[in-house]
């Protein structure tokens, strides 16, 4: 599979996670807008390297659906080659930082 196909599958996976989140009662509309504007790869790289832990990340953890987070999707073996070691490390770190009340 070439990188363009893999990038398209990553985008599809993010869109699917949005649909699943909506099914759980959480609507990540801002994330969806950014995905449409930036594209999946640019969005992932931007968010994962930002200092903030986004609200959506915290919400998915609260709903016990870590698998639907951008960070978890980035870390899926299939998609790891799209990202640098630093980006993957940042994704892993972000997941470890979410504290449930």
N, C-alpha and C. Protein backbone atom coordinates (compact mmCIF):
# COMPACT_ATOMS: atom_id res chain seq x y z
N UNK A 1 0.85 -1.19 0.00
CA UNK A 1 0.00 0.00 0.00
C UNK A 1 0.89 1.24 0.00
N UNK A 2 0.58 2.19 -0.87
CA UNK A 2 1.40 3.40 -0.90
C UNK A 2 0.93 4.40 0.16
N UNK A 3 1.73 5.45 0.36
CA UNK A 3 1.46 6.41 1.43
C UNK A 3 0.14 7.16 1.22
N UNK A 4 -0.20 7.45 -0.03
CA UNK A 4 -1.46 8.16 -0.30
C UNK A 4 -2.65 7.30 0.12
N UNK A 5 -2.59 6.02 -0.18
CA UNK A 5 -3.67 5.10 0.21
C UNK A 5 -3.75 5.01 1.73
N UNK A 6 -2.59 4.93 2.37
CA UNK A 6 -2.55 4.82 3.82
C UNK A 6 -3.09 6.09 4.47
N UNK A 7 -2.73 7.23 3.90
CA UNK A 7 -3.24 8.51 4.40
C UNK A 7 -4.77 8.57 4.24
N UNK A 8 -5.28 8.07 3.12
CA UNK A 8 -6.73 8.05 2.89
C UNK A 8 -7.42 7.13 3.91
N UNK A 9 -6.79 6.00 4.21
CA UNK A 9 -7.36 5.09 5.21
C UNK A 9 -7.34 5.72 6.60
N UNK A 10 -6.28 6.47 6.90
CA UNK A 10 -6.19 7.17 8.18
C UNK A 10 -7.33 8.19 8.29
N UNK A 11 -7.55 8.91 7.22
CA UNK A 11 -8.65 9.88 7.18
C UNK A 11 -9.99 9.19 7.38
N UNK A 12 -10.20 8.08 6.69
CA UNK A 12 -11.44 7.31 6.84
C UNK A 12 -11.62 6.85 8.28
N UNK A 13 -10.53 6.43 8.89
CA UNK A 13 -10.58 5.94 10.28
C UNK A 13 -10.98 7.08 11.23
N UNK A 14 -10.45 8.30 10.99
CA UNK A 14 -10.83 9.44 11.82
C UNK A 14 -12.31 9.79 11.63
N UNK A 15 -12.78 9.76 10.38
CA UNK A 15 -14.20 10.04 10.12
C UNK A 15 -15.10 9.00 10.80
N UNK A 16 -14.65 7.74 10.78
CA UNK A 16 -15.41 6.69 11.44
C UNK A 16 -15.44 6.92 12.96
N UNK A 17 -14.32 7.37 13.53
CA UNK A 17 -14.29 7.62 14.98
C UNK A 17 -15.23 8.77 15.34
N UNK A 18 -15.37 9.75 14.45
CA UNK A 18 -16.31 10.86 14.69
C UNK A 18 -17.74 10.31 14.72
N UNK A 19 -18.07 9.46 13.75
CA UNK A 19 -19.42 8.87 13.71
C UNK A 19 -19.71 8.05 14.97
N UNK A 20 -18.71 7.29 15.41
CA UNK A 20 -18.90 6.48 16.62
C UNK A 20 -19.06 7.37 17.85
N UNK A 21 -18.28 8.45 17.93
CA UNK A 21 -18.39 9.39 19.06
C UNK A 21 -19.79 10.01 19.08
N UNK A 22 -20.28 10.36 17.91
CA UNK A 22 -21.63 10.93 17.82
C UNK A 22 -22.67 9.93 18.31
N UNK A 23 -22.45 8.66 18.00
CA UNK A 23 -23.35 7.61 18.46
C UNK A 23 -23.34 7.46 19.97
N UNK A 24 -22.25 7.89 20.60
CA UNK A 24 -22.14 7.83 22.06
C UNK A 24 -22.66 9.10 22.73
N UNK A 25 -23.10 10.05 21.89
CA UNK A 25 -23.65 11.28 22.45
C UNK A 25 -22.68 12.44 22.51
N UNK A 26 -21.47 12.25 21.97
CA UNK A 26 -20.50 13.35 21.94
C UNK A 26 -20.30 13.77 20.49
N UNK A 27 -20.45 15.06 20.21
CA UNK A 27 -20.30 15.56 18.85
C UNK A 27 -19.04 16.41 18.74
N UNK A 28 -17.97 15.84 18.18
CA UNK A 28 -16.71 16.58 18.06
C UNK A 28 -16.72 17.53 16.86
N UNK A 29 -17.61 18.52 16.88
CA UNK A 29 -17.81 19.37 15.71
C UNK A 29 -16.57 20.19 15.36
N UNK A 30 -15.87 20.69 16.35
CA UNK A 30 -14.66 21.49 16.06
C UNK A 30 -13.58 20.61 15.41
N UNK A 31 -13.41 19.41 15.94
CA UNK A 31 -12.46 18.46 15.36
C UNK A 31 -12.84 18.14 13.92
N UNK A 32 -14.13 17.95 13.70
CA UNK A 32 -14.63 17.64 12.36
C UNK A 32 -14.34 18.79 11.39
N UNK A 33 -14.53 20.02 11.85
CA UNK A 33 -14.23 21.20 11.01
C UNK A 33 -12.75 21.27 10.68
N UNK A 34 -11.91 21.04 11.69
CA UNK A 34 -10.46 21.09 11.46
C UNK A 34 -10.01 19.97 10.52
N UNK A 35 -10.63 18.82 10.64
CA UNK A 35 -10.32 17.70 9.75
C UNK A 35 -10.65 18.06 8.31
N UNK A 36 -11.80 18.70 8.10
CA UNK A 36 -12.19 19.12 6.75
C UNK A 36 -11.25 20.19 6.20
N UNK A 37 -10.78 21.07 7.07
CA UNK A 37 -9.92 22.18 6.64
C UNK A 37 -8.48 21.75 6.39
N UNK A 38 -7.91 21.03 7.35
CA UNK A 38 -6.49 20.70 7.30
C UNK A 38 -6.17 19.36 6.63
N UNK A 39 -7.11 18.45 6.70
CA UNK A 39 -6.81 17.08 6.27
C UNK A 39 -6.30 16.29 7.46
N UNK A 40 -6.41 14.98 7.37
CA UNK A 40 -6.13 14.09 8.50
C UNK A 40 -4.70 14.18 9.00
N UNK A 41 -3.74 14.11 8.09
CA UNK A 41 -2.34 14.05 8.50
C UNK A 41 -1.88 15.36 9.13
N UNK A 42 -2.19 16.48 8.49
CA UNK A 42 -1.80 17.78 9.05
C UNK A 42 -2.46 18.02 10.39
N UNK A 43 -3.73 17.65 10.51
CA UNK A 43 -4.45 17.83 11.76
C UNK A 43 -3.81 17.00 12.87
N UNK A 44 -3.52 15.74 12.59
CA UNK A 44 -2.92 14.86 13.59
C UNK A 44 -1.59 15.43 14.08
N UNK A 45 -0.75 15.84 13.14
CA UNK A 45 0.57 16.36 13.50
C UNK A 45 0.45 17.65 14.30
N UNK A 46 -0.50 18.48 13.94
CA UNK A 46 -0.70 19.75 14.65
C UNK A 46 -1.21 19.52 16.08
N UNK A 47 -2.25 18.72 16.22
CA UNK A 47 -2.86 18.53 17.53
C UNK A 47 -1.96 17.77 18.49
N UNK A 48 -1.27 16.76 17.96
CA UNK A 48 -0.48 15.92 18.85
C UNK A 48 0.73 16.67 19.41
N UNK A 49 1.19 17.68 18.68
CA UNK A 49 2.34 18.45 19.15
C UNK A 49 1.94 19.71 19.90
N UNK A 50 0.64 19.98 20.00
CA UNK A 50 0.19 21.14 20.77
C UNK A 50 0.28 20.79 22.25
N UNK A 51 0.43 21.77 23.07
CA UNK A 51 0.59 21.52 24.50
C UNK A 51 -0.71 21.13 25.20
N UNK A 52 -1.83 21.47 24.59
CA UNK A 52 -3.12 21.25 25.25
C UNK A 52 -3.63 19.83 25.06
N UNK A 53 -4.27 19.33 26.10
CA UNK A 53 -5.01 18.07 25.97
C UNK A 53 -6.43 18.46 25.60
N UNK A 54 -6.82 18.20 24.37
CA UNK A 54 -8.12 18.63 23.87
C UNK A 54 -9.27 18.00 24.64
N UNK A 55 -10.35 18.75 24.68
CA UNK A 55 -11.58 18.33 25.36
C UNK A 55 -12.05 16.97 24.84
N UNK A 56 -11.99 16.79 23.53
CA UNK A 56 -12.46 15.54 22.92
C UNK A 56 -11.68 14.34 23.40
N UNK A 57 -10.38 14.51 23.57
CA UNK A 57 -9.55 13.42 24.08
C UNK A 57 -10.04 13.02 25.47
N UNK A 58 -10.26 14.01 26.30
CA UNK A 58 -10.74 13.75 27.67
C UNK A 58 -12.12 13.09 27.65
N UNK A 59 -12.99 13.57 26.76
CA UNK A 59 -14.34 13.00 26.68
C UNK A 59 -14.32 11.53 26.26
N UNK A 60 -13.50 11.20 25.29
CA UNK A 60 -13.44 9.82 24.82
C UNK A 60 -12.89 8.90 25.93
N UNK A 61 -11.94 9.40 26.70
CA UNK A 61 -11.40 8.61 27.81
C UNK A 61 -12.51 8.41 28.86
N UNK A 62 -13.26 9.49 29.15
CA UNK A 62 -14.37 9.39 30.12
C UNK A 62 -15.39 8.35 29.67
N UNK A 63 -15.63 8.30 28.36
CA UNK A 63 -16.60 7.35 27.81
C UNK A 63 -16.00 5.95 27.64
N UNK A 64 -14.75 5.79 28.11
CA UNK A 64 -14.04 4.52 28.01
C UNK A 64 -13.87 4.07 26.56
N UNK A 65 -13.59 5.06 25.69
CA UNK A 65 -13.37 4.77 24.27
C UNK A 65 -12.06 5.40 23.80
N UNK A 66 -11.01 5.08 24.51
CA UNK A 66 -9.67 5.55 24.15
C UNK A 66 -9.35 5.20 22.69
N UNK A 67 -9.91 4.09 22.23
CA UNK A 67 -9.65 3.63 20.86
C UNK A 67 -10.14 4.60 19.80
N UNK A 68 -11.05 5.52 20.17
CA UNK A 68 -11.57 6.49 19.21
C UNK A 68 -10.77 7.79 19.18
N UNK A 69 -9.75 7.90 20.01
CA UNK A 69 -8.98 9.14 20.05
C UNK A 69 -8.00 9.20 18.88
N UNK A 70 -7.73 10.41 18.45
CA UNK A 70 -6.73 10.66 17.40
C UNK A 70 -5.41 9.98 17.77
N UNK A 71 -5.02 10.14 19.04
CA UNK A 71 -3.73 9.60 19.49
C UNK A 71 -3.68 8.08 19.36
N UNK A 72 -4.75 7.41 19.78
CA UNK A 72 -4.79 5.94 19.68
C UNK A 72 -4.76 5.48 18.23
N UNK A 73 -5.46 6.20 17.39
CA UNK A 73 -5.50 5.84 15.97
C UNK A 73 -4.11 6.01 15.35
N UNK A 74 -3.43 7.10 15.71
CA UNK A 74 -2.06 7.31 15.23
C UNK A 74 -1.14 6.15 15.61
N UNK A 75 -1.36 5.60 16.80
CA UNK A 75 -0.50 4.54 17.33
C UNK A 75 -0.86 3.15 16.85
N UNK A 76 -1.95 3.02 16.08
CA UNK A 76 -2.28 1.72 15.50
C UNK A 76 -1.14 1.32 14.57
N UNK A 77 -0.70 0.06 14.67
CA UNK A 77 0.46 -0.37 13.85
C UNK A 77 0.34 -0.02 12.37
N UNK A 78 -0.85 -0.10 11.84
CA UNK A 78 -1.08 0.18 10.42
C UNK A 78 -0.69 1.61 10.04
N UNK A 79 -0.89 2.58 10.97
CA UNK A 79 -0.70 3.99 10.63
C UNK A 79 0.61 4.60 11.14
N UNK A 80 1.36 3.85 11.92
CA UNK A 80 2.58 4.40 12.53
C UNK A 80 3.56 4.99 11.51
N UNK A 81 3.63 4.39 10.33
CA UNK A 81 4.61 4.85 9.33
C UNK A 81 4.30 6.25 8.80
N UNK A 82 3.10 6.77 9.07
CA UNK A 82 2.74 8.12 8.63
C UNK A 82 3.38 9.20 9.51
N UNK A 83 3.90 8.79 10.68
CA UNK A 83 4.35 9.76 11.67
C UNK A 83 5.79 9.54 12.08
N UNK A 84 6.40 10.62 12.56
CA UNK A 84 7.77 10.53 13.06
C UNK A 84 7.76 9.88 14.44
N UNK A 85 8.94 9.44 14.88
CA UNK A 85 9.06 8.85 16.22
C UNK A 85 8.62 9.86 17.28
N UNK A 86 8.96 11.13 17.09
CA UNK A 86 8.58 12.18 18.03
C UNK A 86 7.08 12.38 18.10
N UNK A 87 6.42 12.31 16.96
CA UNK A 87 4.96 12.47 16.93
C UNK A 87 4.27 11.30 17.62
N UNK A 88 4.80 10.10 17.40
CA UNK A 88 4.22 8.92 18.05
C UNK A 88 4.46 8.96 19.55
N UNK A 89 5.63 9.43 19.94
CA UNK A 89 5.94 9.57 21.36
C UNK A 89 5.00 10.59 22.01
N UNK A 90 4.75 11.69 21.31
CA UNK A 90 3.83 12.72 21.81
C UNK A 90 2.42 12.16 21.96
N UNK A 91 1.98 11.35 21.00
CA UNK A 91 0.64 10.75 21.07
C UNK A 91 0.54 9.83 22.28
N UNK A 92 1.55 9.03 22.50
CA UNK A 92 1.57 8.12 23.63
C UNK A 92 1.58 8.89 24.95
N UNK A 93 2.39 9.94 25.01
CA UNK A 93 2.47 10.77 26.21
C UNK A 93 1.11 11.40 26.51
N UNK A 94 0.46 11.94 25.48
CA UNK A 94 -0.84 12.61 25.67
C UNK A 94 -1.86 11.62 26.25
N UNK A 95 -1.88 10.40 25.74
CA UNK A 95 -2.80 9.40 26.26
C UNK A 95 -2.52 9.10 27.74
N UNK A 96 -1.25 9.13 28.10
CA UNK A 96 -0.88 8.83 29.50
C UNK A 96 -1.20 9.97 30.44
N UNK A 97 -1.45 11.17 29.92
CA UNK A 97 -1.68 12.35 30.75
C UNK A 97 -3.12 12.58 31.15
N UNK A 98 -4.04 11.90 30.48
CA UNK A 98 -5.45 12.12 30.77
C UNK A 98 -5.81 11.46 32.10
N UNK A 99 -6.23 12.28 33.03
CA UNK A 99 -6.61 11.79 34.36
C UNK A 99 -8.13 11.85 34.48
N UNK A 100 -8.71 10.77 34.88
CA UNK A 100 -10.16 10.78 35.12
C UNK A 100 -10.41 11.25 36.55
N UNK A 101 -11.48 12.01 36.75
CA UNK A 101 -11.78 12.53 38.10
C UNK A 101 -12.11 11.40 39.08
